Amino acid sequence: MIKTLVKHGNSSALVIEKPILSLLGATADSAFEVITDGKSLILTPIQDAVRHNRFRNAVEKTGKRYAKTFEELAK
């Protein structure tokens, strides 16, 4: 399937039809994780939003707590 982006304010949007959302077990209100390698875009519906939010918060907290250590490791 080939899709075309549509203008949405100052951004572009990808319209996902209801049959595809149903196939993914998602709705128009579902949160999606967006991953890219710079060439491809992967959209994955979040099935457990509470768990996802807890995980995201833990990652942010760890990033702040160990920011200097991560910077040193990156060198």
Protein backbone atom coordinates (compact mmCIF):
# COMPACT_ATOMS: atom_id res chain seq x y z
CA MET A 1 0.00 0.00 0.00
CA ILE A 2 1.29 3.44 -0.89
CA LYS A 3 0.15 6.38 1.23
CA THR A 4 0.53 10.12 0.74
CA LEU A 5 1.05 12.57 3.60
CA VAL A 6 -1.54 15.31 4.10
CA LYS A 7 -1.02 18.81 5.51
CA HIS A 8 -2.04 19.22 9.14
CA GLY A 9 -1.27 22.76 10.32
CA ASN A 10 2.50 23.23 10.04
CA SER A 11 3.02 19.46 9.99
CA SER A 12 2.28 16.49 7.78
CA ALA A 13 0.00 13.61 8.78
CA LEU A 14 -0.43 10.02 7.68
CA VAL A 15 -4.06 8.87 7.57
CA ILE A 16 -4.54 5.28 8.72
CA GLU A 17 -7.84 3.76 7.63
CA LYS A 18 -10.13 2.03 10.13
CA PRO A 19 -9.58 -1.52 8.71
CA ILE A 20 -5.83 -1.17 9.26
CA LEU A 21 -6.38 0.16 12.79
CA SER A 22 -8.65 -2.81 13.49
CA LEU A 23 -6.03 -5.22 12.18
CA LEU A 24 -3.51 -3.67 14.61
CA GLY A 25 -5.97 -3.73 17.49
CA ALA A 26 -5.86 0.08 17.66
CA THR A 27 -8.35 2.92 17.52
CA ALA A 28 -8.17 6.60 16.59
CA ASP A 29 -7.37 7.30 20.27
CA SER A 30 -4.52 4.78 20.53
CA ALA A 31 -1.01 5.93 21.35
CA PHE A 32 1.68 4.73 18.94
CA GLU A 33 5.40 4.27 19.45
CA VAL A 34 7.31 5.78 16.53
CA ILE A 35 10.73 4.37 15.63
CA THR A 36 12.98 5.34 12.74
CA ASP A 37 16.41 4.34 11.51
CA GLY A 38 16.58 7.43 9.30
CA LYS A 39 15.17 5.60 6.27
CA SER A 40 12.09 3.77 7.54
CA LEU A 41 9.30 4.60 9.95
CA ILE A 42 7.77 1.95 12.22
CA LEU A 43 4.51 2.66 14.05
CA THR A 44 3.52 0.28 16.83
CA PRO A 45 0.31 0.72 18.82
CA ILE A 46 0.86 0.87 22.57
CA GLN A 47 -1.29 -1.88 24.08
CA ASP A 48 -0.66 -1.01 27.73
CA ALA A 49 -0.46 2.79 28.03
CA VAL A 50 0.02 2.73 31.84
CA ARG A 51 3.00 0.37 31.57
CA HIS A 52 4.43 2.42 28.71
CA ASN A 53 4.17 5.65 30.74
CA ARG A 54 5.85 4.04 33.77
CA PHE A 55 8.67 2.78 31.55
CA ARG A 56 9.09 6.18 29.85
CA ASN A 57 9.23 7.92 33.27
CA ALA A 58 11.83 5.43 34.52
CA VAL A 59 13.99 6.03 31.42
CA GLU A 60 13.78 9.82 31.87
CA LYS A 61 14.63 9.58 35.58
CA THR A 62 17.61 7.34 34.85
CA GLY A 63 18.77 9.68 32.08
CA LYS A 64 18.72 12.67 34.42
CA ARG A 65 20.33 10.83 37.32
CA TYR A 66 23.21 9.39 35.30
CA ALA A 67 23.57 12.06 32.59
CA LYS A 68 27.26 12.74 33.33
CA THR A 69 28.06 9.05 33.40
CA PHE A 70 26.34 8.51 30.05
CA GLU A 71 28.27 11.47 28.57
CA GLU A 72 31.57 9.96 29.75
CA LEU A 73 30.65 6.56 28.34
CA ALA A 74 29.80 8.14 25.00
CA LYS A 75 33.31 9.55 24.67
